[in-house]
N, C-alpha and C. Protein backbone atom coordinates (compact mmCIF):
# COMPACT_ATOMS: atom_id res chain seq x y z
N MET A 1 164.45 111.65 -105.31
CA MET A 1 165.06 110.34 -105.14
C MET A 1 164.10 109.44 -104.37
N THR A 2 163.96 108.20 -104.80
CA THR A 2 163.12 107.24 -104.10
C THR A 2 163.98 106.12 -103.55
N LYS A 3 163.50 105.52 -102.48
CA LYS A 3 164.21 104.43 -101.83
C LYS A 3 163.22 103.28 -101.67
N VAL A 4 163.53 102.13 -102.22
CA VAL A 4 162.69 100.95 -102.10
C VAL A 4 163.13 100.17 -100.88
N SER A 5 162.16 99.68 -100.11
CA SER A 5 162.48 99.02 -98.86
C SER A 5 161.46 97.92 -98.56
N ILE A 6 161.86 97.00 -97.73
CA ILE A 6 160.94 96.00 -97.19
C ILE A 6 160.79 96.30 -95.71
N ARG A 7 159.57 96.50 -95.28
CA ARG A 7 159.27 96.75 -93.86
C ARG A 7 158.60 95.50 -93.32
N PHE A 8 158.55 95.41 -92.00
CA PHE A 8 157.90 94.26 -91.38
C PHE A 8 156.80 94.75 -90.44
N PHE A 9 155.67 94.06 -90.50
CA PHE A 9 154.55 94.32 -89.61
C PHE A 9 154.04 92.97 -89.16
N ASN A 10 154.03 92.73 -87.88
CA ASN A 10 153.67 91.42 -87.33
C ASN A 10 154.44 90.29 -88.02
N ASP A 11 155.73 90.50 -88.21
CA ASP A 11 156.63 89.52 -88.84
C ASP A 11 156.27 89.20 -90.29
N ARG A 12 155.52 90.07 -90.95
CA ARG A 12 155.17 89.89 -92.36
C ARG A 12 155.81 91.00 -93.17
N GLU A 13 156.28 90.65 -94.36
CA GLU A 13 156.91 91.64 -95.24
C GLU A 13 155.88 92.57 -95.86
N VAL A 14 156.21 93.85 -95.88
CA VAL A 14 155.37 94.86 -96.53
C VAL A 14 156.30 95.71 -97.39
N ARG A 15 156.02 95.74 -98.68
CA ARG A 15 156.84 96.54 -99.61
C ARG A 15 156.56 98.02 -99.38
N ALA A 16 157.62 98.82 -99.44
CA ALA A 16 157.48 100.26 -99.21
C ALA A 16 158.44 101.02 -100.10
N VAL A 17 158.06 102.26 -100.40
CA VAL A 17 158.90 103.17 -101.18
C VAL A 17 158.91 104.51 -100.47
N TRP A 18 160.11 105.06 -100.27
CA TRP A 18 160.27 106.38 -99.66
C TRP A 18 160.38 107.40 -100.78
N ASP A 19 159.52 108.42 -100.74
CA ASP A 19 159.56 109.50 -101.72
C ASP A 19 160.20 110.71 -101.07
N GLU A 20 161.40 111.00 -101.50
CA GLU A 20 162.19 112.09 -100.92
C GLU A 20 161.50 113.45 -101.08
N SER A 21 160.90 113.69 -102.24
CA SER A 21 160.31 115.00 -102.52
C SER A 21 159.13 115.32 -101.60
N SER A 22 158.34 114.31 -101.24
CA SER A 22 157.20 114.55 -100.35
C SER A 22 157.48 114.10 -98.92
N SER A 23 158.64 113.50 -98.69
CA SER A 23 159.02 112.98 -97.36
C SER A 23 157.95 112.05 -96.79
N GLN A 24 157.54 111.09 -97.63
CA GLN A 24 156.51 110.14 -97.22
C GLN A 24 156.88 108.72 -97.65
N TRP A 25 156.42 107.77 -96.83
CA TRP A 25 156.50 106.36 -97.20
C TRP A 25 155.20 105.98 -97.91
N PHE A 26 155.31 105.17 -98.95
CA PHE A 26 154.16 104.60 -99.62
C PHE A 26 154.26 103.09 -99.50
N PHE A 27 153.16 102.45 -99.09
CA PHE A 27 153.15 101.02 -98.84
C PHE A 27 152.26 100.31 -99.86
N ALA A 28 152.60 99.06 -100.17
CA ALA A 28 151.81 98.26 -101.10
C ALA A 28 150.50 97.84 -100.42
N ALA A 29 149.39 98.26 -101.01
CA ALA A 29 148.08 97.99 -100.43
C ALA A 29 147.83 96.49 -100.30
N VAL A 30 148.25 95.71 -101.29
CA VAL A 30 148.04 94.26 -101.24
C VAL A 30 148.77 93.65 -100.05
N ASP A 31 149.96 94.14 -99.74
CA ASP A 31 150.70 93.63 -98.59
C ASP A 31 150.01 93.99 -97.28
N ILE A 32 149.44 95.18 -97.20
CA ILE A 32 148.70 95.58 -96.00
C ILE A 32 147.47 94.70 -95.82
N VAL A 33 146.75 94.43 -96.90
CA VAL A 33 145.58 93.55 -96.85
C VAL A 33 145.99 92.17 -96.35
N ALA A 34 147.12 91.67 -96.84
CA ALA A 34 147.60 90.35 -96.42
C ALA A 34 147.87 90.30 -94.92
N VAL A 35 148.47 91.36 -94.39
CA VAL A 35 148.76 91.40 -92.97
C VAL A 35 147.47 91.46 -92.15
N LEU A 36 146.56 92.32 -92.56
CA LEU A 36 145.32 92.50 -91.80
C LEU A 36 144.42 91.28 -91.85
N ASN A 37 144.40 90.59 -92.99
CA ASN A 37 143.57 89.39 -93.12
C ASN A 37 144.29 88.12 -92.69
N GLU A 38 145.57 88.25 -92.35
CA GLU A 38 146.39 87.10 -91.98
C GLU A 38 146.30 86.01 -93.04
N GLN A 39 146.41 86.43 -94.29
CA GLN A 39 146.29 85.55 -95.45
C GLN A 39 147.59 85.59 -96.24
N SER A 40 148.12 84.45 -96.62
CA SER A 40 149.39 84.43 -97.36
C SER A 40 149.18 84.25 -98.86
N ASP A 41 147.98 83.95 -99.30
CA ASP A 41 147.70 83.73 -100.72
C ASP A 41 147.60 85.08 -101.44
N TYR A 42 148.61 85.36 -102.29
CA TYR A 42 148.67 86.66 -102.98
C TYR A 42 147.43 86.91 -103.84
N THR A 43 146.95 85.89 -104.54
CA THR A 43 145.79 86.07 -105.42
C THR A 43 144.55 86.46 -104.63
N ARG A 44 144.33 85.83 -103.50
CA ARG A 44 143.17 86.19 -102.66
C ARG A 44 143.29 87.62 -102.15
N ASN A 45 144.48 87.99 -101.74
CA ASN A 45 144.69 89.35 -101.24
C ASN A 45 144.48 90.38 -102.35
N ARG A 46 145.00 90.08 -103.54
CA ARG A 46 144.83 90.99 -104.67
C ARG A 46 143.35 91.13 -105.04
N ASN A 47 142.62 90.00 -105.07
CA ASN A 47 141.20 90.06 -105.40
C ASN A 47 140.41 90.83 -104.34
N TYR A 48 140.75 90.63 -103.08
CA TYR A 48 140.06 91.36 -102.01
C TYR A 48 140.33 92.86 -102.14
N TRP A 49 141.58 93.23 -102.43
CA TRP A 49 141.91 94.65 -102.59
C TRP A 49 141.17 95.25 -103.78
N LYS A 50 141.07 94.52 -104.90
CA LYS A 50 140.32 95.01 -106.06
C LYS A 50 138.85 95.22 -105.70
N TYR A 51 138.26 94.26 -104.97
CA TYR A 51 136.87 94.36 -104.54
C TYR A 51 136.69 95.59 -103.64
N LEU A 52 137.56 95.74 -102.67
CA LEU A 52 137.45 96.84 -101.72
C LEU A 52 137.65 98.19 -102.41
N LYS A 53 138.61 98.29 -103.30
CA LYS A 53 138.87 99.53 -104.02
C LYS A 53 137.66 99.94 -104.86
N ASN A 54 137.05 98.97 -105.55
CA ASN A 54 135.85 99.26 -106.35
C ASN A 54 134.69 99.69 -105.46
N LYS A 55 134.55 99.05 -104.33
CA LYS A 55 133.48 99.41 -103.39
C LYS A 55 133.68 100.83 -102.87
N LEU A 56 134.91 101.20 -102.57
CA LEU A 56 135.20 102.55 -102.10
C LEU A 56 134.95 103.59 -103.19
N LYS A 57 135.32 103.27 -104.42
CA LYS A 57 135.08 104.18 -105.54
C LYS A 57 133.59 104.41 -105.75
N LYS A 58 132.79 103.35 -105.69
CA LYS A 58 131.34 103.48 -105.86
C LYS A 58 130.73 104.29 -104.74
N GLY A 59 131.23 104.14 -103.55
CA GLY A 59 130.73 104.90 -102.39
C GLY A 59 131.00 106.38 -102.54
N LYS A 60 132.17 106.73 -103.05
CA LYS A 60 132.50 108.14 -103.24
C LYS A 60 131.68 108.77 -104.35
N SER A 61 131.48 108.03 -105.44
CA SER A 61 130.76 108.59 -106.58
C SER A 61 129.27 108.76 -106.28
N SER A 62 128.72 107.94 -105.40
CA SER A 62 127.29 108.04 -105.10
C SER A 62 127.01 109.20 -104.14
N THR A 63 128.03 109.67 -103.40
CA THR A 63 127.81 110.78 -102.47
C THR A 63 128.08 112.13 -103.13
N GLY A 64 128.79 112.13 -104.26
CA GLY A 64 129.18 113.40 -104.85
C GLY A 64 128.42 113.71 -106.06
């Protein structure tokens, strides 16, 4: 069973899902980026997350 929720961090909404089987919360990466960058523009946050995710993927593949 999963539970969808809205959490708040520094008075900003962060989407979250509770996974009963693993007993873990999963948070929307774009919402976390928005909070950390203090940016409200969804498109900018999404583009930054895409850039960061690709950079992390390239870093992992070059070391392995």
